[in-house]
Amino acid sequence: MSVSVNPAALAASLRRLDRRGDTISLRPSLQRVIEACDQLFDVDGSGLMLTDEHGDLHYTAASDGPGTLLEQAQIETGQGPCIDTFSQDAPVETTDVTADERWPDLGRRLDGLGVAAVLCVPVHLAGVCVGSLNLYKARASAWDLAMQSALEKLAEVAESMMSAAVAADHAGELASQLSYALDYRAPIERAVGYLMGRDGLSQGDAFNLLRSAARNSRRKVADVAEHLLDTGTLPGEERT
């Protein structure tokens, strides 16, 4: 069975969010986007993951316990649809995350926890992907293009809220993290491209390798990216 959305309900939800889009407090504003997802879509939960200054995704808002578990499990395993959406800057979907061969570790972690179908779309700031807006269902389900399009419109609302908060420059730690991520996303993307060419990796695997090198060297991922671009090696690698 596919999951769909009512166009009139979507329009009404976007109007309500737009009327409250001038709020400076960023986290409560983004939580309202999640609440709109739950009200609008016939799903079991939703969530928002955003990058920090280290290039790691963190859950910023979630509608319930299983949604938080989905996001936390991806952080712990380093794999999943939300991470792929962020690293590839493209929508990602699965009918059943627990049986999807793309993320075996994540599937094992989530088995029996009430998360199956997942749909993710990128969230941007100034044209740069900084996170992922996500829906999930407890049972295996297909997603249609109308659902993806509707979720992308809500992601645009979140993007407007973040842009306003960052421009205001007094929206707290989250806005500061997003500002850093925006400043350093370009060298990170170049470093990912370099690793893809050097090691024959997929975009997702190259991004995860860069993040792992940053963790192991206790440096920010942007610093590791610049080191790689300058030297051709990751911290800890020996030149050949």
C-alpha atoms as a PDB file:
ATOM      1  CA  MET A   1       0.000   0.000   0.000  1.00  0.00           C
ATOM      2  CA  SER A   2       1.331   3.453  -0.887  1.00  0.00           C
ATOM      3  CA  VAL A   3       1.216   6.544   1.334  1.00  0.00           C
ATOM      4  CA  SER A   4      -0.345   9.724  -0.076  1.00  0.00           C
ATOM      5  CA  VAL A   5      -1.255  13.266   0.977  1.00  0.00           C
ATOM      6  CA  ASN A   6      -4.219  15.646   0.665  1.00  0.00           C
ATOM      7  CA  PRO A   7      -3.197  18.729  -1.419  1.00  0.00           C
ATOM      8  CA  ALA A   8      -5.705  21.021   0.351  1.00  0.00           C
ATOM      9  CA  ALA A   9      -4.427  19.959   3.757  1.00  0.00           C
ATOM     10  CA  LEU A  10      -0.849  20.616   2.618  1.00  0.00           C
ATOM     11  CA  ALA A  11      -1.719  24.141   1.472  1.00  0.00           C
ATOM     12  CA  ALA A  12      -3.476  24.916   4.753  1.00  0.00           C
ATOM     13  CA  SER A  13      -0.537  23.588   6.764  1.00  0.00           C
ATOM     14  CA  LEU A  14       1.961  25.686   4.796  1.00  0.00           C
ATOM     15  CA  ARG A  15      -0.144  28.814   5.377  1.00  0.00           C
ATOM     16  CA  ARG A  16      -0.243  28.185   9.138  1.00  0.00           C
ATOM     17  CA  LEU A  17       3.511  27.708   9.308  1.00  0.00           C
ATOM     18  CA  ASP A  18       4.137  30.779   7.171  1.00  0.00           C
ATOM     19  CA  ARG A  19       2.124  32.959   9.556  1.00  0.00           C
ATOM     20  CA  ARG A  20       4.433  31.863  12.376  1.00  0.00           C
ATOM     21  CA  GLY A  21       7.624  31.909  10.338  1.00  0.00           C
ATOM     22  CA  ASP A  22       9.040  35.082  11.912  1.00  0.00           C
ATOM     23  CA  THR A  23       9.778  33.417  15.257  1.00  0.00           C
ATOM     24  CA  ILE A  24      13.429  33.806  16.283  1.00  0.00           C
ATOM     25  CA  SER A  25      13.605  30.789  18.616  1.00  0.00           C
ATOM     26  CA  LEU A  26      14.781  28.165  16.158  1.00  0.00           C
ATOM     27  CA  ARG A  27      14.237  24.815  17.870  1.00  0.00           C
ATOM     28  CA  PRO A  28      10.554  25.441  18.740  1.00  0.00           C
ATOM     29  CA  SER A  29       9.987  26.682  15.194  1.00  0.00           C
ATOM     30  CA  LEU A  30      11.466  23.524  13.717  1.00  0.00           C
ATOM     31  CA  GLN A  31       9.457  21.395  16.134  1.00  0.00           C
ATOM     32  CA  ARG A  32       6.314  22.953  14.648  1.00  0.00           C
ATOM     33  CA  VAL A  33       7.395  21.679  11.237  1.00  0.00           C
ATOM     34  CA  ILE A  34       7.566  18.170  12.718  1.00  0.00           C
ATOM     35  CA  GLU A  35       4.127  18.596  14.264  1.00  0.00           C
ATOM     36  CA  ALA A  36       2.812  19.665  10.852  1.00  0.00           C
ATOM     37  CA  CYS A  37       4.266  16.487   9.313  1.00  0.00           C
ATOM     38  CA  ASP A  38       2.437  14.343  11.844  1.00  0.00           C
ATOM     39  CA  GLN A  39      -0.834  16.170  11.255  1.00  0.00           C
ATOM     40  CA  LEU A  40      -0.579  16.215   7.480  1.00  0.00           C
ATOM     41  CA  PHE A  41       0.714  12.776   6.564  1.00  0.00           C
ATOM     42  CA  ASP A  42      -0.674   9.347   7.370  1.00  0.00           C
ATOM     43  CA  VAL A  43       2.567   8.233   9.038  1.00  0.00           C
ATOM     44  CA  ASP A  44       3.670   7.015  12.437  1.00  0.00           C
ATOM     45  CA  GLY A  45       6.317   9.658  13.051  1.00  0.00           C
ATOM     46  CA  SER A  46       8.677  12.250  11.657  1.00  0.00           C
ATOM     47  CA  GLY A  47      11.967  13.895  12.503  1.00  0.00           C
ATOM     48  CA  LEU A  48      14.601  16.418  11.510  1.00  0.00           C
ATOM     49  CA  MET A  49      18.349  15.836  11.544  1.00  0.00           C
ATOM     50  CA  LEU A  50      20.824  18.696  11.101  1.00  0.00           C
ATOM     51  CA  THR A  51      24.581  18.802  10.848  1.00  0.00           C
ATOM     52  CA  ASP A  52      26.841  20.255  13.515  1.00  0.00           C
ATOM     53  CA  GLU A  53      30.203  21.980  13.243  1.00  0.00           C
ATOM     54  CA  HIS A  54      31.924  18.583  12.993  1.00  0.00           C
ATOM     55  CA  GLY A  55      29.880  17.511   9.970  1.00  0.00           C
ATOM     56  CA  ASP A  56      27.911  14.976  12.021  1.00  0.00           C
ATOM     57  CA  LEU A  57      24.146  14.696  11.889  1.00  0.00           C
ATOM     58  CA  HIS A  58      22.170  15.042  15.111  1.00  0.00           C
ATOM     59  CA  TYR A  59      18.469  14.742  15.694  1.00  0.00           C
ATOM     60  CA  THR A  60      17.041  18.207  16.202  1.00  0.00           C
ATOM     61  CA  ALA A  61      13.346  17.375  16.469  1.00  0.00           C
ATOM     62  CA  ALA A  62      11.327  14.167  16.489  1.00  0.00           C
ATOM     63  CA  SER A  63       7.685  13.422  17.066  1.00  0.00           C
ATOM     64  CA  ASP A  64       7.951  10.278  19.174  1.00  0.00           C
ATOM     65  CA  GLY A  65      10.141   7.583  20.700  1.00  0.00           C
ATOM     66  CA  PRO A  66      10.593   5.359  17.619  1.00  0.00           C
ATOM     67  CA  GLY A  67      11.446   8.406  15.523  1.00  0.00           C
ATOM     68  CA  THR A  68      14.184   9.336  17.962  1.00  0.00           C
ATOM     69  CA  LEU A  69      15.425   5.730  17.903  1.00  0.00           C
ATOM     70  CA  LEU A  70      15.607   5.822  14.097  1.00  0.00           C
ATOM     71  CA  GLU A  71      17.721   8.950  14.137  1.00  0.00           C
ATOM     72  CA  GLN A  72      19.924   7.828  17.035  1.00  0.00           C
ATOM     73  CA  ALA A  73      20.552   4.411  15.455  1.00  0.00           C
ATOM     74  CA  GLN A  74      21.778   6.095  12.277  1.00  0.00           C
ATOM     75  CA  ILE A  75      24.160   8.271  14.278  1.00  0.00           C
ATOM     76  CA  GLU A  76      25.549   5.212  16.075  1.00  0.00           C
ATOM     77  CA  THR A  77      25.906   2.990  12.993  1.00  0.00           C
ATOM     78  CA  GLY A  78      26.974   5.746  10.591  1.00  0.00           C
ATOM     79  CA  GLN A  79      24.520   4.514   7.968  1.00  0.00           C
ATOM     80  CA  GLY A  80      20.921   4.945   6.929  1.00  0.00           C
ATOM     81  CA  PRO A  81      18.538   6.863   4.667  1.00  0.00           C
ATOM     82  CA  CYS A  82      18.912  10.169   6.525  1.00  0.00           C
ATOM     83  CA  ILE A  83      22.699  10.031   6.317  1.00  0.00           C
ATOM     84  CA  ASP A  84      22.549   9.152   2.618  1.00  0.00           C
ATOM     85  CA  THR A  85      20.159  12.035   1.975  1.00  0.00           C
ATOM     86  CA  PHE A  86      22.582  14.413   3.675  1.00  0.00           C
ATOM     87  CA  SER A  87      25.743  13.104   2.020  1.00  0.00           C
ATOM     88  CA  GLN A  88      24.170  12.793  -1.455  1.00  0.00           C
ATOM     89  CA  ASP A  89      21.893  15.867  -1.237  1.00  0.00           C
ATOM     90  CA  ALA A  90      19.025  13.835  -2.690  1.00  0.00           C
ATOM     91  CA  PRO A  91      15.772  12.240  -1.481  1.00  0.00           C
ATOM     92  CA  VAL A  92      16.108   8.674  -0.214  1.00  0.00           C
ATOM     93  CA  GLU A  93      13.316   6.215   0.503  1.00  0.00           C
ATOM     94  CA  THR A  94      12.909   2.629   1.578  1.00  0.00           C
ATOM     95  CA  THR A  95       9.860   0.447   1.963  1.00  0.00           C
ATOM     96  CA  ASP A  96      11.446  -1.356   4.923  1.00  0.00           C
ATOM     97  CA  VAL A  97      14.645  -0.094   6.509  1.00  0.00           C
ATOM     98  CA  THR A  98      15.083  -3.286   8.551  1.00  0.00           C
ATOM     99  CA  ALA A  99      15.377  -5.388   5.372  1.00  0.00           C
ATOM    100  CA  ASP A 100      17.224  -2.921   3.138  1.00  0.00           C
ATOM    101  CA  GLU A 101      20.620  -4.253   2.021  1.00  0.00           C
ATOM    102  CA  ARG A 102      22.046  -0.719   1.816  1.00  0.00           C
ATOM    103  CA  TRP A 103      22.172  -0.426   5.618  1.00  0.00           C
ATOM    104  CA  PRO A 104      22.616  -3.872   7.222  1.00  0.00           C
ATOM    105  CA  ASP A 105      23.865  -2.612  10.584  1.00  0.00           C
ATOM    106  CA  LEU A 106      21.004  -0.140  10.864  1.00  0.00           C
ATOM    107  CA  GLY A 107      18.463  -2.821   9.907  1.00  0.00           C
ATOM    108  CA  ARG A 108      19.663  -5.098  12.683  1.00  0.00           C
ATOM    109  CA  ARG A 109      19.596  -2.247  15.191  1.00  0.00           C
ATOM    110  CA  LEU A 110      16.007  -1.271  14.337  1.00  0.00           C
ATOM    111  CA  ASP A 111      14.532  -4.752  14.001  1.00  0.00           C
ATOM    112  CA  GLY A 112      11.418  -5.002  16.164  1.00  0.00           C
ATOM    113  CA  LEU A 113      11.457  -1.342  17.236  1.00  0.00           C
ATOM    114  CA  GLY A 114       8.456  -0.196  15.184  1.00  0.00           C
ATOM    115  CA  VAL A 115      10.232   1.485  12.267  1.00  0.00           C
ATOM    116  CA  ALA A 116       9.946   0.182   8.694  1.00  0.00           C
ATOM    117  CA  ALA A 117       9.220   2.505   5.752  1.00  0.00           C
ATOM    118  CA  VAL A 118      11.318   5.700   5.725  1.00  0.00           C
ATOM    119  CA  LEU A 119      11.260   8.734   3.415  1.00  0.00           C
ATOM    120  CA  CYS A 120      13.902  11.479   3.659  1.00  0.00           C
ATOM    121  CA  VAL A 121      14.395  14.742   1.768  1.00  0.00           C
ATOM    122  CA  PRO A 122      17.323  17.188   2.015  1.00  0.00           C
ATOM    123  CA  VAL A 123      17.120  20.412   4.013  1.00  0.00           C
ATOM    124  CA  HIS A 124      19.183  23.331   2.680  1.00  0.00           C
ATOM    125  CA  LEU A 125      20.610  26.560   3.972  1.00  0.00           C
ATOM    126  CA  ALA A 126      21.767  29.066   1.332  1.00  0.00           C
ATOM    127  CA  GLY A 127      21.688  26.260  -1.219  1.00  0.00           C
ATOM    128  CA  VAL A 128      23.859  23.936   0.883  1.00  0.00           C
ATOM    129  CA  CYS A 129      22.499  20.662   2.268  1.00  0.00           C
ATOM    130  CA  VAL A 130      22.626  20.804   6.073  1.00  0.00           C
ATOM    131  CA  GLY A 131      20.296  17.995   7.060  1.00  0.00           C
ATOM    132  CA  SER A 132      17.364  15.712   6.396  1.00  0.00           C
ATOM    133  CA  LEU A 133      13.601  15.885   7.037  1.00  0.00           C
ATOM    134  CA  ASN A 134      12.200  12.403   7.547  1.00  0.00           C
ATOM    135  CA  LEU A 135       8.953  10.444   7.732  1.00  0.00           C
ATOM    136  CA  TYR A 136       8.507   6.851   8.829  1.00  0.00           C
ATOM    137  CA  LYS A 137       5.836   4.186   9.148  1.00  0.00           C
ATOM    138  CA  ALA A 138       5.848   1.243  11.518  1.00  0.00           C
ATOM    139  CA  ARG A 139       4.940  -1.177   8.713  1.00  0.00           C
ATOM    140  CA  ALA A 140       6.498  -1.687   5.296  1.00  0.00           C
ATOM    141  CA  SER A 141       4.926   0.750   2.815  1.00  0.00           C
ATOM    142  CA  ALA A 142       5.654   2.352  -0.544  1.00  0.00           C
ATOM    143  CA  TRP A 143       6.002   6.118  -0.973  1.00  0.00           C
ATOM    144  CA  ASP A 144       4.573   8.030  -3.935  1.00  0.00           C
ATOM    145  CA  LEU A 145       5.955  11.124  -5.650  1.00  0.00           C
ATOM    146  CA  ALA A 146       3.194  13.341  -4.239  1.00  0.00           C
ATOM    147  CA  MET A 147       4.327  12.476  -0.718  1.00  0.00           C
ATOM    148  CA  GLN A 148       7.938  13.333  -1.558  1.00  0.00           C
ATOM    149  CA  SER A 149       6.892  16.620  -3.161  1.00  0.00           C
ATOM    150  CA  ALA A 150       4.793  17.571  -0.130  1.00  0.00           C
ATOM    151  CA  LEU A 151       7.637  16.767   2.259  1.00  0.00           C
ATOM    152  CA  GLU A 152       9.999  18.896   0.166  1.00  0.00           C
ATOM    153  CA  LYS A 153       7.628  21.853   0.559  1.00  0.00           C
ATOM    154  CA  LEU A 154       7.739  21.466   4.340  1.00  0.00           C
ATOM    155  CA  ALA A 155      11.533  21.238   4.126  1.00  0.00           C
ATOM    156  CA  GLU A 156      11.451  24.627   2.391  1.00  0.00           C
ATOM    157  CA  VAL A 157       9.555  26.039   5.384  1.00  0.00           C
ATOM    158  CA  ALA A 158      12.261  24.711   7.707  1.00  0.00           C
ATOM    159  CA  GLU A 159      14.880  26.269   5.432  1.00  0.00           C
ATOM    160  CA  SER A 160      13.175  29.673   5.689  1.00  0.00           C
ATOM    161  CA  MET A 161      13.096  29.428   9.472  1.00  0.00           C
ATOM    162  CA  MET A 162      16.778  28.542   9.633  1.00  0.00           C
ATOM    163  CA  SER A 163      17.749  31.323   7.245  1.00  0.00           C
ATOM    164  CA  ALA A 164      15.908  33.885   9.353  1.00  0.00           C
ATOM    165  CA  ALA A 165      17.482  32.610  12.564  1.00  0.00           C
ATOM    166  CA  VAL A 166      21.022  32.567  11.177  1.00  0.00           C
ATOM    167  CA  ALA A 167      20.579  36.051   9.710  1.00  0.00           C
ATOM    168  CA  ALA A 168      19.322  37.316  13.097  1.00  0.00           C
ATOM    169  CA  ASP A 169      22.575  36.024  14.652  1.00  0.00           C
ATOM    170  CA  HIS A 170      21.007  35.543  18.074  1.00  0.00           C
ATOM    171  CA  ALA A 171      19.139  32.268  17.791  1.00  0.00           C
ATOM    172  CA  GLY A 172      21.488  30.235  19.974  1.00  0.00           C
ATOM    173  CA  GLU A 173      23.868  27.320  19.546  1.00  0.00           C
ATOM    174  CA  LEU A 174      21.929  25.591  16.773  1.00  0.00           C
ATOM    175  CA  ALA A 175      22.120  28.609  14.488  1.00  0.00           C
ATOM    176  CA  SER A 176      25.846  28.928  15.211  1.00  0.00           C
ATOM    177  CA  GLN A 177      26.385  25.293  14.235  1.00  0.00           C
ATOM    178  CA  LEU A 178      24.475  25.816  11.004  1.00  0.00           C
ATOM    179  CA  SER A 179      26.522  28.909  10.197  1.00  0.00           C
ATOM    180  CA  TYR A 180      29.738  26.923  10.621  1.00  0.00           C
ATOM    181  CA  ALA A 181      28.385  24.059   8.529  1.00  0.00           C
ATOM    182  CA  LEU A 182      27.462  26.498   5.789  1.00  0.00           C
ATOM    183  CA  ASP A 183      30.900  28.108   5.770  1.00  0.00           C
ATOM    184  CA  TYR A 184      32.780  24.819   5.521  1.00  0.00           C
ATOM    185  CA  ARG A 185      30.508  22.633   3.401  1.00  0.00           C
ATOM    186  CA  ALA A 186      32.336  23.494   0.154  1.00  0.00           C
ATOM    187  CA  PRO A 187      35.755  22.092   1.182  1.00  0.00           C
ATOM    188  CA  ILE A 188      34.035  19.053   2.694  1.00  0.00           C
ATOM    189  CA  GLU A 189      32.300  18.340  -0.603  1.00  0.00           C
ATOM    190  CA  ARG A 190      35.576  18.773  -2.506  1.00  0.00           C
ATOM    191  CA  ALA A 191      37.294  16.381  -0.100  1.00  0.00           C
ATOM    192  CA  VAL A 192      34.528  13.816  -0.561  1.00  0.00           C
ATOM    193  CA  GLY A 193      34.957  14.078  -4.328  1.00  0.00           C
ATOM    194  CA  TYR A 194      38.714  13.615  -3.955  1.00  0.00           C
ATOM    195  CA  LEU A 195      38.245  10.431  -1.883  1.00  0.00           C
ATOM    196  CA  MET A 196      35.727   9.084  -4.391  1.00  0.00           C
ATOM    197  CA  GLY A 197      38.285   9.458  -7.170  1.00  0.00           C
ATOM    198  CA  ARG A 198      41.289   8.358  -5.135  1.00  0.00           C
ATOM    199  CA  ASP A 199      39.793   5.281  -3.493  1.00  0.00           C
ATOM    200  CA  GLY A 200      36.941   4.396  -5.846  1.00  0.00           C
ATOM    201  CA  LEU A 201      34.338   4.979  -3.143  1.00  0.00           C
ATOM    202  CA  SER A 202      30.690   5.879  -3.331  1.00  0.00           C
ATOM    203  CA  GLN A 203      29.753   9.359  -2.167  1.00  0.00           C
ATOM    204  CA  GLY A 204      28.298   8.032   1.074  1.00  0.00           C
ATOM    205  CA  ASP A 205      31.327   5.854   1.854  1.00  0.00           C
ATOM    206  CA  ALA A 206      33.714   8.711   1.089  1.00  0.00           C
ATOM    207  CA  PHE A 207      31.811  11.028   3.408  1.00  0.00           C
ATOM    208  CA  ASN A 208      31.831   8.428   6.188  1.00  0.00           C
ATOM    209  CA  LEU A 209      35.583   7.903   5.740  1.00  0.00           C
ATOM    210  CA  LEU A 210      36.140  11.640   6.101  1.00  0.00           C
ATOM    211  CA  ARG A 211      34.001  11.761   9.253  1.00  0.00           C
ATOM    212  CA  SER A 212      35.790   8.749  10.753  1.00  0.00           C
ATOM    213  CA  ALA A 213      39.165  10.388  10.156  1.00  0.00           C
ATOM    214  CA  ALA A 214      37.900  13.508  11.902  1.00  0.00           C
ATOM    215  CA  ARG A 215      36.695  11.530  14.913  1.00  0.00           C
ATOM    216  CA  ASN A 216      39.885   9.488  15.165  1.00  0.00           C
ATOM    217  CA  SER A 217      42.079  12.573  15.023  1.00  0.00           C
ATOM    218  CA  ARG A 218      39.720  14.597  17.257  1.00  0.00           C
ATOM    219  CA  ARG A 219      39.516  17.337  14.675  1.00  0.00           C
ATOM    220  CA  LYS A 220      36.616  19.027  12.958  1.00  0.00           C
ATOM    221  CA  VAL A 221      35.651  17.443   9.686  1.00  0.00           C
ATOM    222  CA  ALA A 222      36.266  20.714   7.838  1.00  0.00           C
ATOM    223  CA  ASP A 223      39.846  20.801   9.153  1.00  0.00           C
ATOM    224  CA  VAL A 224      40.386  17.212   8.008  1.00  0.00           C
ATOM    225  CA  ALA A 225      38.922  18.072   4.600  1.00  0.00           C
ATOM    226  CA  GLU A 226      41.330  20.972   4.175  1.00  0.00           C
ATOM    227  CA  HIS A 227      44.237  18.764   5.311  1.00  0.00           C
ATOM    228  CA  LEU A 228      43.276  16.167   2.687  1.00  0.00           C
ATOM    229  CA  LEU A 229      43.005  18.755  -0.064  1.00  0.00           C
ATOM    230  CA  ASP A 230      46.379  20.263   0.893  1.00  0.00           C
ATOM    231  CA  THR A 231      48.341  17.021   1.348  1.00  0.00           C
ATOM    232  CA  GLY A 232      46.429  14.286  -0.486  1.00  0.00           C
ATOM    233  CA  THR A 233      46.248  12.238   2.713  1.00  0.00           C
ATOM    234  CA  LEU A 234      43.949  11.880   5.694  1.00  0.00           C
ATOM    235  CA  PRO A 235      45.362  12.313   9.202  1.00  0.00           C
ATOM    236  CA  GLY A 236      47.125   9.094  10.142  1.00  0.00           C
ATOM    237  CA  GLU A 237      47.770   8.013   6.560  1.00  0.00           C
ATOM    238  CA  GLU A 238      51.324   7.664   5.399  1.00  0.00           C
ATOM    239  CA  ARG A 239      52.419   9.030   2.078  1.00  0.00           C
ATOM    240  CA  THR A 240      53.389   6.425  -0.448  1.00  0.00           C
END
